[in-house]
C-alpha atoms as a PDB file:
ATOM      1  CA  MET A   1      35.735  38.155  -3.960  1.00  0.00           C
ATOM      2  CA  PRO A   2      37.192  41.591  -2.808  1.00  0.00           C
ATOM      3  CA  GLU A   3      35.771  42.759   0.306  1.00  0.00           C
ATOM      4  CA  ASN A   4      34.625  46.069  -1.318  1.00  0.00           C
ATOM      5  CA  ALA A   5      32.700  44.322  -3.975  1.00  0.00           C
ATOM      6  CA  SER A   6      29.076  43.829  -3.973  1.00  0.00           C
ATOM      7  CA  SER A   7      27.571  40.208  -4.430  1.00  0.00           C
ATOM      8  CA  PRO A   8      26.359  39.292  -7.845  1.00  0.00           C
ATOM      9  CA  CYS A   9      23.207  37.973  -6.062  1.00  0.00           C
ATOM     10  CA  PRO A  10      20.544  40.498  -5.229  1.00  0.00           C
ATOM     11  CA  PRO A  11      19.124  40.427  -1.319  1.00  0.00           C
ATOM     12  CA  ALA A  12      16.287  38.182  -0.719  1.00  0.00           C
ATOM     13  CA  GLN A  13      12.804  39.961  -1.149  1.00  0.00           C
ATOM     14  CA  GLN A  14       9.442  39.428  -0.122  1.00  0.00           C
ATOM     15  CA  PRO A  15       7.276  38.140  -2.862  1.00  0.00           C
ATOM     16  CA  LEU A  16       6.248  41.173  -5.048  1.00  0.00           C
ATOM     17  CA  THR A  17       2.479  39.945  -4.732  1.00  0.00           C
ATOM     18  CA  PRO A  18       1.063  38.344  -1.700  1.00  0.00           C
ATOM     19  CA  LEU A  19      -1.122  35.531  -1.877  1.00  0.00           C
ATOM     20  CA  PRO A  20      -5.005  35.761  -2.042  1.00  0.00           C
ATOM     21  CA  ALA A  21      -6.358  35.721   1.518  1.00  0.00           C
ATOM     22  CA  GLY A  22      -6.860  31.946   2.548  1.00  0.00           C
ATOM     23  CA  TYR A  23      -3.750  30.695   1.465  1.00  0.00           C
ATOM     24  CA  ARG A  24      -0.076  30.176   2.897  1.00  0.00           C
ATOM     25  CA  MET A  25       3.086  29.676   1.508  1.00  0.00           C
ATOM     26  CA  VAL A  26       5.186  27.043   3.243  1.00  0.00           C
ATOM     27  CA  GLU A  27       8.679  25.783   2.379  1.00  0.00           C
ATOM     28  CA  GLU A  28       8.162  22.354   2.808  1.00  0.00           C
ATOM     29  CA  PRO A  29       7.371  19.350   0.620  1.00  0.00           C
ATOM     30  CA  PRO A  30       3.976  17.848  -0.468  1.00  0.00           C
ATOM     31  CA  THR A  31       3.424  14.432   1.173  1.00  0.00           C
ATOM     32  CA  SER A  32       3.988  11.696  -1.591  1.00  0.00           C
ATOM     33  CA  GLU A  33       0.233  11.371  -1.529  1.00  0.00           C
ATOM     34  CA  GLU A  34      -0.316  14.549  -2.150  1.00  0.00           C
ATOM     35  CA  TYR A  35       2.406  14.910  -4.790  1.00  0.00           C
ATOM     36  CA  VAL A  36       0.606  12.151  -6.537  1.00  0.00           C
ATOM     37  CA  ARG A  37      -2.819  13.554  -6.628  1.00  0.00           C
ATOM     38  CA  LEU A  38      -1.822  17.014  -7.428  1.00  0.00           C
ATOM     39  CA  ARG A  39       0.078  16.066 -10.589  1.00  0.00           C
ATOM     40  CA  GLU A  40      -3.123  13.736 -11.346  1.00  0.00           C
ATOM     41  CA  VAL A  41      -5.768  16.683 -10.960  1.00  0.00           C
ATOM     42  CA  ALA A  42      -3.167  19.274 -12.577  1.00  0.00           C
ATOM     43  CA  GLY A  43      -2.523  17.107 -15.729  1.00  0.00           C
ATOM     44  CA  LEU A  44       0.609  16.053 -15.291  1.00  0.00           C
ATOM     45  CA  SER A  45       1.956  12.607 -15.997  1.00  0.00           C
ATOM     46  CA  PRO A  46       1.110   9.921 -13.527  1.00  0.00           C
ATOM     47  CA  ARG A  47       3.712   8.744 -11.205  1.00  0.00           C
ATOM     48  CA  THR A  48       3.394   6.355  -8.197  1.00  0.00           C
ATOM     49  CA  PRO A  49       3.748   7.308  -4.590  1.00  0.00           C
ATOM     50  CA  ALA A  50       7.170   5.298  -4.532  1.00  0.00           C
ATOM     51  CA  GLN A  51       8.337   7.496  -7.450  1.00  0.00           C
ATOM     52  CA  ALA A  52       7.127  10.738  -5.619  1.00  0.00           C
ATOM     53  CA  THR A  53       9.159   9.810  -2.476  1.00  0.00           C
ATOM     54  CA  GLY A  54      12.378   9.210  -4.521  1.00  0.00           C
ATOM     55  CA  ALA A  55      11.744  12.607  -6.512  1.00  0.00           C
ATOM     56  CA  LEU A  56      10.824  14.537  -3.197  1.00  0.00           C
ATOM     57  CA  THR A  57      13.870  13.101  -1.396  1.00  0.00           C
ATOM     58  CA  ALA A  58      16.084  14.131  -4.344  1.00  0.00           C
ATOM     59  CA  SER A  59      14.882  17.771  -4.499  1.00  0.00           C
ATOM     60  CA  TRP A  60      16.787  20.747  -3.637  1.00  0.00           C
ATOM     61  CA  ALA A  61      13.979  22.652  -2.374  1.00  0.00           C
ATOM     62  CA  TRP A  62      10.190  22.787  -2.595  1.00  0.00           C
ATOM     63  CA  ILE A  63       7.391  25.023  -1.997  1.00  0.00           C
ATOM     64  CA  THR A  64       3.728  24.378  -1.392  1.00  0.00           C
ATOM     65  CA  VAL A  65       0.773  26.644  -1.264  1.00  0.00           C
ATOM     66  CA  ARG A  66      -1.749  25.478   1.184  1.00  0.00           C
ATOM     67  CA  THR A  67      -5.403  26.573   2.393  1.00  0.00           C
ATOM     68  CA  GLU A  68      -6.126  27.879   5.783  1.00  0.00           C
ATOM     69  CA  GLY A  69      -7.349  24.392   6.123  1.00  0.00           C
ATOM     70  CA  GLY A  70      -3.663  22.931   5.195  1.00  0.00           C
ATOM     71  CA  SER A  71      -5.034  21.391   2.198  1.00  0.00           C
ATOM     72  CA  LEU A  72      -2.281  21.276  -0.674  1.00  0.00           C
ATOM     73  CA  ALA A  73      -3.290  23.956  -3.166  1.00  0.00           C
ATOM     74  CA  ALA A  74       0.168  24.300  -5.457  1.00  0.00           C
ATOM     75  CA  MET A  75       3.446  23.073  -5.240  1.00  0.00           C
ATOM     76  CA  GLY A  76       6.865  23.442  -7.215  1.00  0.00           C
ATOM     77  CA  ARG A  77      10.427  21.834  -6.533  1.00  0.00           C
ATOM     78  CA  VAL A  78      13.823  22.350  -7.593  1.00  0.00           C
ATOM     79  CA  ILE A  79      16.241  20.020  -8.728  1.00  0.00           C
ATOM     80  CA  GLY A  80      19.659  19.963  -9.963  1.00  0.00           C
ATOM     81  CA  ASP A  81      23.073  18.255 -10.186  1.00  0.00           C
ATOM     82  CA  GLY A  82      24.377  20.698  -7.236  1.00  0.00           C
ATOM     83  CA  THR A  83      27.299  22.413  -8.808  1.00  0.00           C
ATOM     84  CA  TRP A  84      25.823  24.118 -12.219  1.00  0.00           C
ATOM     85  CA  TYR A  85      22.477  23.073 -13.506  1.00  0.00           C
ATOM     86  CA  PHE A  86      19.250  23.263 -11.571  1.00  0.00           C
ATOM     87  CA  HIS A  87      15.415  23.281 -12.709  1.00  0.00           C
ATOM     88  CA  ILE A  88      11.907  24.107 -11.395  1.00  0.00           C
ATOM     89  CA  ALA A  89       9.871  21.154 -11.878  1.00  0.00           C
ATOM     90  CA  ASP A  90       6.315  20.053 -10.991  1.00  0.00           C
ATOM     91  CA  ILE A  91       4.979  23.411 -10.766  1.00  0.00           C
ATOM     92  CA  ALA A  92       0.949  22.750 -10.354  1.00  0.00           C
ATOM     93  CA  THR A  93      -1.902  24.121  -9.152  1.00  0.00           C
ATOM     94  CA  ASP A  94      -5.074  22.095  -8.238  1.00  0.00           C
ATOM     95  CA  PRO A  95      -8.150  23.092 -10.662  1.00  0.00           C
ATOM     96  CA  ALA A  96     -10.212  24.181  -7.832  1.00  0.00           C
ATOM     97  CA  HIS A  97      -7.822  26.885  -6.934  1.00  0.00           C
ATOM     98  CA  GLN A  98      -7.035  27.893 -10.220  1.00  0.00           C
ATOM     99  CA  ARG A  99      -7.628  31.928 -11.238  1.00  0.00           C
ATOM    100  CA  GLN A 100      -6.730  32.516  -7.716  1.00  0.00           C
ATOM    101  CA  GLY A 101      -3.790  34.667  -8.182  1.00  0.00           C
ATOM    102  CA  LEU A 102      -1.587  31.931  -7.007  1.00  0.00           C
ATOM    103  CA  GLY A 103       0.474  31.391  -9.843  1.00  0.00           C
ATOM    104  CA  ALA A 104       0.577  34.989 -11.874  1.00  0.00           C
ATOM    105  CA  PRO A 105      -0.456  38.398 -10.286  1.00  0.00           C
END
């Protein structure tokens, strides 16, 4: 890219809508046990802890939303081929934390 050309990607921004009080976003994966449990309670297809470990290890990025006490409230991850295709996967919110503004403004 020429020196005077602007980047095609916008600069990183803060979230447009802050999380509700009592929640924090953390750039870390859930534990395998948390991943299995949240998939189950959120209605996603079941996985074993071994499958969870493989999925989390092979992910490009993760995000978790945790309560002030550290409990997992929501999660998501990015998977991809490392070159061209990337997908957002396993977006889930614990039903006990739904309708709190964690997934949408």
